[in-house]
Every structure is written in C-alpha cells, then in structure tokens.
Protein backbone atom coordinates (compact mmCIF):
# COMPACT_ATOMS: atom_id res chain seq x y z
CA MET A 1 73.70 56.40 24.96
CA LYS A 2 70.38 57.15 23.77
CA ARG A 3 69.03 54.41 25.79
CA SER A 4 70.05 55.74 28.81
CA PHE A 5 69.12 59.27 27.81
CA LEU A 6 65.26 58.09 27.41
CA ILE A 7 65.35 56.41 30.83
CA GLY A 8 67.31 59.50 32.09
CA ILE A 9 64.14 61.91 30.74
CA PHE A 10 61.70 59.00 32.50
CA LEU A 11 63.26 59.43 35.70
CA PHE A 12 63.42 62.87 35.42
CA ALA A 13 59.71 63.94 34.78
CA CYS A 14 58.62 61.07 37.40
CA SER A 15 60.65 63.19 40.04
CA ILE A 16 59.28 66.48 38.75
CA LEU A 17 55.72 64.94 38.88
CA ALA A 18 55.63 62.99 41.85
CA LYS A 19 56.56 66.66 43.64
CA SER A 20 53.70 68.40 41.65
CA GLN A 21 51.08 66.22 42.32
CA SER A 22 48.51 64.89 44.97
CA GLY A 23 45.65 62.52 44.71
CA THR A 24 46.29 59.11 43.72
CA HIS A 25 49.40 57.71 42.21
CA ARG A 26 49.90 53.98 40.80
CA LEU A 27 53.03 52.20 39.57
CA GLY A 28 52.50 49.37 36.91
CA LEU A 29 54.75 46.78 35.23
CA GLU A 30 53.68 44.79 32.83
CA GLY A 31 54.99 41.99 30.27
CA GLN A 32 53.45 41.76 26.66
CA TYR A 33 53.65 39.20 24.09
CA GLY A 34 52.36 40.06 20.36
CA TRP A 35 52.47 39.90 16.70
CA ILE A 36 53.57 42.09 13.84
CA ILE A 37 51.08 43.26 11.31
CA ALA A 38 52.63 42.65 7.73
CA HIS A 39 50.96 45.77 5.27
CA ASN A 40 52.22 45.10 2.68
CA PRO A 41 53.70 41.94 1.08
CA GLU A 42 57.43 42.65 0.77
CA LEU A 43 57.47 42.96 5.03
CA GLU A 44 56.00 39.05 5.60
CA GLN A 45 59.22 37.28 5.61
CA VAL A 46 60.96 40.07 7.64
CA ALA A 47 57.50 40.23 10.07
CA GLN A 48 57.63 36.59 11.43
CA SER A 49 58.78 37.02 14.68
CA SER A 50 56.73 37.87 17.49
CA PRO A 51 57.56 40.71 19.31
CA ILE A 52 57.60 40.66 23.49
CA ALA A 53 57.81 43.33 25.94
CA VAL A 54 58.00 44.82 29.48
CA GLY A 55 56.92 48.00 30.79
CA PHE A 56 56.82 50.30 33.70
CA SER A 57 54.35 53.20 34.11
CA SER A 58 53.75 55.92 37.15
CA GLN A 59 50.71 57.68 36.70
CA TRP A 60 48.96 59.93 39.03
CA MET A 61 44.76 61.07 39.29
CA LYS A 62 43.64 64.62 41.12
CA ASN A 63 40.23 63.96 42.99
CA THR A 64 38.77 67.75 41.75
CA ARG A 65 36.06 68.57 39.95
CA LYS A 66 38.66 70.73 37.75
CA ASN A 67 39.88 67.40 36.89
CA TRP A 68 36.75 65.67 36.16
CA GLU A 69 35.25 68.09 33.69
CA ALA A 70 38.53 67.48 32.02
CA CYS A 71 37.03 64.66 30.42
CA ASN A 72 33.78 63.88 32.18
CA CYS A 73 35.50 60.93 34.21
CA PHE A 74 38.26 60.41 36.44
CA HIS A 75 41.30 59.72 34.45
CA TYR A 76 45.19 59.20 35.07
CA LEU A 77 47.78 61.36 33.70
CA GLY A 78 51.42 59.35 33.87
CA LEU A 79 54.35 58.79 32.18
CA SER A 80 55.26 55.21 31.05
CA LEU A 81 58.82 53.33 29.81
CA SER A 82 58.93 50.20 27.54
CA VAL A 83 61.54 48.28 26.02
CA VAL A 84 60.21 46.20 22.74
CA ASP A 85 62.13 43.18 21.91
CA PHE A 86 60.90 42.04 18.09
CA GLN A 87 62.91 38.90 18.49
CA ASN A 88 64.63 39.67 15.30
CA PRO A 89 68.16 41.13 16.29
CA LYS A 90 70.05 40.86 13.16
CA GLU A 91 66.75 43.17 11.62
CA LEU A 92 64.62 44.39 13.96
CA GLY A 93 66.30 44.69 17.18
CA GLN A 94 64.87 46.55 19.88
CA ALA A 95 62.34 49.81 20.68
CA TRP A 96 63.03 51.64 23.65
CA ASN A 97 60.26 54.00 24.33
CA VAL A 98 59.12 56.78 26.31
CA ALA A 99 55.66 58.38 26.50
CA GLY A 100 53.09 60.62 28.44
CA THR A 101 49.56 58.68 28.90
CA PHE A 102 46.25 59.76 29.66
CA GLU A 103 43.74 56.87 30.55
CA PRO A 104 40.05 57.84 31.34
CA ILE A 105 38.08 54.96 33.65
CA LEU A 106 35.13 54.02 31.54
CA PHE A 107 33.29 52.18 34.42
CA ARG A 108 34.29 50.70 38.01
CA SER A 109 32.69 48.82 40.64
CA ALA A 110 33.90 47.41 44.31
CA ARG A 111 36.51 45.42 42.73
CA TRP A 112 36.79 45.80 39.16
CA SER A 113 37.34 48.52 36.52
CA GLY A 114 37.92 49.23 32.71
CA SER A 115 39.77 52.04 31.25
CA LEU A 116 41.27 53.37 28.08
CA SER A 117 44.68 54.24 27.75
CA THR A 118 46.27 56.11 25.40
CA GLY A 119 49.95 57.07 24.36
CA LEU A 120 52.62 60.06 22.47
CA GLY A 121 55.71 59.47 23.05
CA VAL A 122 59.18 59.26 21.40
CA SER A 123 60.64 55.67 20.48
CA TYR A 124 65.00 54.59 20.03
CA LEU A 125 65.04 51.89 17.36
CA THR A 126 68.46 49.86 17.90
CA ARG A 127 68.05 48.96 13.85
CA VAL A 128 66.30 50.34 10.61
CA TYR A 129 66.84 50.18 7.07
CA ASP A 130 69.95 50.33 5.18
CA PRO A 131 70.02 49.83 1.47
CA ILE A 132 73.03 47.62 1.83
CA GLU A 133 73.44 45.82 5.52
CA ASN A 134 69.65 45.79 6.22
CA PRO A 135 67.77 45.97 3.24
CA ARG A 136 64.54 44.07 4.25
CA ASN A 137 63.33 46.11 7.19
CA THR A 138 61.25 49.12 5.69
CA PHE A 139 59.33 49.55 8.81
CA PHE A 140 62.20 51.91 10.38
CA SER A 141 64.62 54.29 8.20
CA ALA A 142 65.08 56.83 11.38
CA PRO A 143 66.88 55.49 15.18
CA VAL A 144 64.40 58.31 16.71
CA SER A 145 60.73 57.34 15.96
CA PHE A 146 57.07 58.87 16.92
CA LEU A 147 55.01 56.32 19.31
CA ILE A 148 51.38 56.05 19.23
CA PHE A 149 49.34 53.38 21.17
CA LEU A 150 45.80 52.42 22.05
CA ALA A 151 45.05 49.93 25.22
CA PRO A 152 41.70 48.98 26.63
CA LYS A 153 42.33 47.88 29.97
CA ILE A 154 40.63 45.62 32.84
CA SER A 155 41.59 45.67 36.38
CA TYR A 156 40.96 43.42 39.64
CA GLN A 157 41.74 45.05 42.68
CA PHE A 158 42.43 42.28 45.50
CA SER A 159 43.75 44.03 47.96
CA GLU A 160 43.95 47.49 49.43
CA LYS A 161 47.11 48.45 47.43
CA TRP A 162 47.15 46.17 44.74
CA GLU A 163 45.33 45.21 41.64
CA VAL A 164 45.99 42.82 38.83
CA GLN A 165 45.75 44.36 35.16
CA ALA A 166 45.14 42.93 31.26
CA SER A 167 45.26 44.99 28.19
CA LEU A 168 45.24 44.57 24.76
CA ASN A 169 47.66 46.96 22.98
CA TYR A 170 47.96 48.03 19.98
CA SER A 171 51.25 50.33 18.99
CA HIS A 172 52.85 52.27 15.99
CA ILE A 173 55.85 53.31 15.58
CA SER A 174 57.15 55.72 12.73
CA ASN A 175 59.03 58.60 11.94
CA GLY A 176 56.22 60.88 10.96
CA GLY A 177 57.59 61.40 7.30
CA GLN A 178 60.88 62.93 8.34
CA ARG A 179 62.55 60.13 6.45
CA GLN A 180 62.05 57.28 3.90
CA PRO A 181 60.96 54.29 3.64
CA ASN A 182 58.51 54.95 6.59
CA ARG A 183 56.28 52.01 6.57
CA GLY A 184 55.97 52.45 9.81
CA MET A 185 55.28 49.48 11.82
CA ASN A 186 51.82 48.48 13.64
CA PHE A 187 51.86 45.55 16.25
CA PRO A 188 49.20 44.64 18.60
CA MET A 189 50.17 42.90 21.89
CA LEU A 190 48.64 41.02 25.23
CA GLY A 191 49.25 42.19 28.59
CA LEU A 192 48.85 41.15 31.77
CA GLY A 193 50.67 43.16 34.93
CA MET A 194 50.72 44.20 38.43
CA VAL A 195 49.17 47.89 39.80
CA HIS A 196 50.84 49.06 43.12
CA TYR A 197 49.29 52.17 44.69
CA THR A 198 51.90 54.07 46.60
CA ARG A 199 48.85 56.72 47.56
CA ARG A 200 45.19 56.15 47.18
CA VAL A 201 41.96 59.21 47.79
CA ALA A 202 38.72 58.02 47.44
CA LEU A 203 36.88 59.39 44.62
CA THR A 204 34.04 61.85 44.78
CA GLU A 205 30.55 61.18 42.87
CA PHE A 206 30.32 64.36 40.51
CA GLU A 207 27.66 65.09 38.41
CA LYS A 208 28.26 64.51 34.61
CA THR A 209 27.80 67.82 32.43
CA LYS A 210 24.53 68.05 30.91
CA THR A 211 25.21 66.51 27.09
CA VAL A 212 24.94 69.02 24.38
CA LYS A 213 23.27 67.10 21.17
CA ASP A 214 23.50 70.58 18.80
CA TRP A 215 26.01 71.20 15.49
CA GLU A 216 29.31 72.10 16.42
CA PHE A 217 31.37 73.59 13.72
CA TYR A 218 35.56 73.76 13.65
CA LEU A 219 38.32 74.79 11.14
CA ASP A 220 42.11 73.32 11.86
CA LEU A 221 45.31 74.11 10.56
CA GLY A 222 47.96 71.27 10.68
CA PHE A 223 51.35 71.44 9.83
CA ASN A 224 54.81 69.74 9.17
CA THR A 225 57.88 69.66 7.02
CA GLN A 226 58.34 67.30 4.19
CA ASP A 227 61.41 66.00 2.21
CA ALA A 228 62.16 67.71 -1.33
CA ARG A 229 64.63 68.04 -3.86
CA GLU A 230 68.47 68.47 -2.94
CA ASP A 231 67.86 67.62 0.58
CA THR A 232 65.92 70.16 1.54
CA ARG A 233 62.43 70.25 3.80
CA LYS A 234 59.51 72.33 2.58
CA PRO A 235 56.26 73.05 4.34
CA ASN A 236 52.77 71.27 4.14
CA PHE A 237 49.59 72.72 5.27
CA VAL A 238 46.59 71.18 5.55
CA LEU A 239 43.28 73.66 6.33
CA ALA A 240 40.36 71.66 7.36
CA GLY A 241 36.93 72.55 7.89
CA GLY A 242 33.99 70.24 9.54
CA THR A 243 30.75 69.76 11.73
CA TYR A 244 30.19 67.09 14.26
CA ARG A 245 27.03 66.38 16.44
CA ARG A 246 27.25 64.26 19.62
CA LEU A 247 25.14 60.84 19.51
CA ALA A 248 25.33 59.37 22.74
CA GLY A 249 27.70 59.18 25.90
CA ILE A 250 30.98 60.15 24.29
CA LEU A 251 30.35 59.13 20.40
CA ALA A 252 29.70 61.62 18.08
CA LEU A 253 29.43 61.66 14.33
CA GLY A 254 30.59 64.52 11.73
CA GLY A 255 32.18 65.22 8.33
CA GLY A 256 33.71 67.98 6.47
CA VAL A 257 36.22 69.10 3.87
CA GLU A 258 39.81 69.90 4.01
CA LEU A 259 42.69 71.24 1.69
CA ALA A 260 46.59 70.02 1.93
CA LYS A 261 48.97 72.44 -0.10
CA ASP A 262 52.93 69.99 -0.17
CA PHE A 263 55.35 72.55 -1.24
CA SER A 264 57.54 69.47 -1.19
CA LEU A 265 55.69 68.15 -4.45
CA LEU A 266 57.41 68.79 -7.80
CA ALA A 267 54.61 71.12 -9.90
CA ASP A 268 55.06 73.88 -12.56
CA ARG A 269 52.08 75.95 -10.99
CA SER A 270 51.37 76.63 -7.25
CA ARG A 271 47.70 75.04 -7.77
CA GLU A 272 48.94 71.39 -8.86
CA ARG A 273 50.16 70.83 -5.29
CA LEU A 274 47.18 71.48 -3.85
CA ILE A 275 45.27 68.02 -2.33
CA PRO A 276 41.42 68.45 -1.88
CA ALA A 277 39.21 65.92 -0.17
CA ALA A 278 35.84 64.96 1.59
CA PHE A 279 35.78 62.88 4.77
CA ALA A 280 33.07 61.50 7.44
CA GLU A 281 34.75 61.48 10.83
CA PRO A 282 33.42 59.93 14.25
CA HIS A 283 34.34 61.45 17.16
CA LEU A 284 35.53 60.21 20.54
CA LEU A 285 34.76 62.72 22.97
CA PHE A 286 36.34 62.96 26.80
CA GLY A 287 35.51 66.57 28.04
CA ARG A 288 37.96 68.41 26.87
CA PHE A 289 39.79 65.54 24.54
CA ASP A 290 38.06 65.09 20.98
CA PHE A 291 40.08 61.74 19.36
CA ALA A 292 38.58 61.51 15.70
CA MET A 293 39.31 58.90 12.90
CA ARG A 294 38.88 60.62 9.61
CA TYR A 295 38.33 58.65 6.70
CA ALA A 296 38.53 60.71 3.32
CA ALA A 297 38.29 60.27 -0.54
CA TYR A 298 40.46 62.22 -2.73
CA LEU A 299 38.47 64.89 -4.62
CA SER A 300 42.12 65.31 -7.09
CA LYS A 301 45.63 64.58 -6.42
CA PRO A 302 49.19 65.76 -8.52
CA GLU A 303 50.09 63.93 -10.94
CA GLY A 304 52.48 61.00 -9.72
CA TYR A 305 51.13 61.43 -5.70
CA GLN A 306 49.91 58.32 -4.32
CA GLU A 307 49.08 57.20 -7.78
CA ASP A 308 47.20 53.95 -6.50
CA LYS A 309 45.66 55.72 -3.63
CA SER A 310 41.80 56.74 -3.74
CA PHE A 311 41.18 57.27 0.06
CA TYR A 312 43.03 57.54 3.23
CA GLN A 313 42.68 58.31 7.33
CA ARG A 314 43.41 61.01 9.31
CA TYR A 315 43.71 60.45 13.57
CA THR A 316 43.73 63.53 15.13
CA LEU A 317 43.94 64.08 19.08
CA ASN A 318 42.83 67.87 20.26
CA TYR A 319 42.74 69.51 23.22
CA HIS A 320 40.50 72.16 23.80
CA LEU A 321 41.89 75.49 25.85
CA GLY A 322 38.63 77.08 26.69
CA ARG A 323 35.34 77.13 24.32
CA HIS A 324 37.19 77.92 21.02
CA PHE A 325 40.70 77.27 20.83
CA ARG A 326 42.28 74.00 20.74
CA VAL A 327 45.72 71.71 19.89
CA GLY A 328 46.90 68.84 18.96
CA ALA A 329 48.39 66.39 16.65
CA GLY A 330 47.59 64.18 13.83
CA LEU A 331 48.46 61.20 12.02
CA LYS A 332 48.05 60.84 7.80
CA ALA A 333 47.72 57.05 6.81
CA HIS A 334 47.20 55.17 3.46
CA GLY A 335 45.99 51.85 5.20
CA HIS A 336 48.32 50.59 7.70
CA VAL A 337 51.29 52.48 6.02
CA ALA A 338 51.74 56.08 7.80
CA GLU A 339 52.68 59.24 5.55
CA TYR A 340 53.43 61.83 8.08
CA MET A 341 52.65 63.62 11.74
CA ASP A 342 51.72 66.96 12.05
CA PHE A 343 51.30 69.74 14.65
CA ARG A 344 47.69 71.37 15.20
CA LEU A 345 45.83 74.39 15.95
CA GLY A 346 42.06 74.70 15.58
CA TRP A 347 38.60 76.84 16.18
CA ARG A 348 35.69 76.01 17.44
CA PHE A 349 32.64 78.02 16.88
C-alpha cells in the first residue's frame, strides 16, 4: 500500500508539472549496481550484499534568463522514482524512493555533456530493525525515512532525441534521528541508462554574472525534534554564524561557530544542554543554491553526549530568496553515521 502511495505521488506530481512547464523535457531510465559501506564493525556481516536498482526520472529545463540566474547555469528540475533491492530479503529488503532532483549542467559540447544531480526525498523500507526478528539491521529503524543522493553524470547524445548516460551515485538513507537505532546507510552505485527527449529547445548563451569575491556573512537557525524520556519529543535548536569568500568559479571557503541547545538531553541546568562548536566550511555556489560541508570540532559537550566523538560534519543545502533571506535543510553526522536532519532559516548580510 505504501509503495503504491509513493508511485501515486510521483505520477501525480509529474502530471501537474507537465502542465505547468515549458522548454525542454526528458525521461530517463537507469539501472544501477553498487555496494554498502559498513561504517561500524557490527554492520560488516549484514553489509556483504551488493544492491541493485532501477530508476525512472522526469525532468524539465526552462530556457529563460530567470532560470539561468538561479545557478548561473542551465539546470534540470524534476522527479525520480527508484527501487533498490539490497539482495538480502530477510534483513535489508528493498527501498522504494521518490525524490525531487536538481541537476545543473557543468559542461556541454555538440554531443557530450556533464552534470551533477542532487536529490532529496522519501524512502519506504520493507525491512527495518527489530530487536528479536531483525536485530542485525541497525541501518534502518523506521519504514518511512529520508533519502539524499549526489550523482555526477556524463552523457553522450547519439541522435536528436536520445542519449546514453553513465553515473556514479552516492546515496544516504536514514530517519533523520526520529527513531533509534539510526545508523543510516551509505551506498555508492554505478549507473548506466538511456534518456529520451520528448521536447527539446535550443539553449541560449547567457553571460555569467560577474563573480563577487568579497566576504559574505550569515546567520542561520536549524530546528528539529529529538526523542526524550517517556516517549516524548523535545526541540533542538542550532544557531550558527559564519563567513565565506568565493575563491574561483563555484567554490568558496569559510568558517564560523555554532551553538546547539538540545532540550531532549538530561541535564540539571539549562546551560548543560548547550553544545558549542567551531567549524571550517567549503561551499559549492550555484547561483541561488548554496551547498556547504561543515567540518566542526566540539568545544564542549554535555556529560554522556557523544562521549567518543570530538568532531562531526553538517551538510546543508540552502536556497536564497532574494538578497538576504534563505531556507534549507541540513544533516548532522559523525563520520558515516547520521545523527539528525533539520529545517533551516538563514539571513545573509
């Protein structure tokens, strides 16, 4: 039933978008083969299988100046539906995924092109952790979880409406800290597929906006809820201040400090729930999109919280609404183990 619901969401969204979009439209079908990263010794045995997948996508690209300025490049927006079989039906089962995609074109020639596809969506998992029936699968504990993926692609157009495409996909599935255990799964996959253009419009050459290399300053606030005692959930806030400077092209580098306050932690005094950290942060800037990889060091921690960890990563994707305001989402992780996802609001000075 839940798998049928995901398929229904995909088909409904495609029909709505098809009526509202103009410009280039394409359909893609891809097969994938990969492996599972066992990021904990306890996962090595259950991670021995090699996942296979099939995915279908529908993407649109507008040939307008406004669309170009969103990332200083032509890019596709779309939806994808995929099924991943982990080839371990008893413990890992399958993942049925629906995701929204953003795919900027990095380079193009008469027949060759390269792109970078990113996606965020929902995954329905057929097998999850159970302390008695499925104790080894600590990858997944919630049937409905989140999916994030990154996939560089290279394409060769062999006719007016057809091209072949190869990709390297890196996917992460976890429940965003909503249920434990939440180790999450990271699985790279090699992909090969075909793309068919139902409608194709010639691309206009727009002049890139002049790169500004001044320092940018920002504040952002992340919010989510965490499991607490007695089956309740408590808020968790993360306030960060930082700066960055564009180095060249889409690459920028910066850093800052952040202060988290997790009300789900056991503490006698309010300040004991505070978690300050300092971070360095490279950015990939695609016009209004800002993808950042925050590498942080704890300055102090509440007693009993992540006792064996001194560092963590926070991956954020923000979209600028005008010059100052931005919205986005983030994922905090220790190595390959995700801790939680959050919703983010920010202000750029």
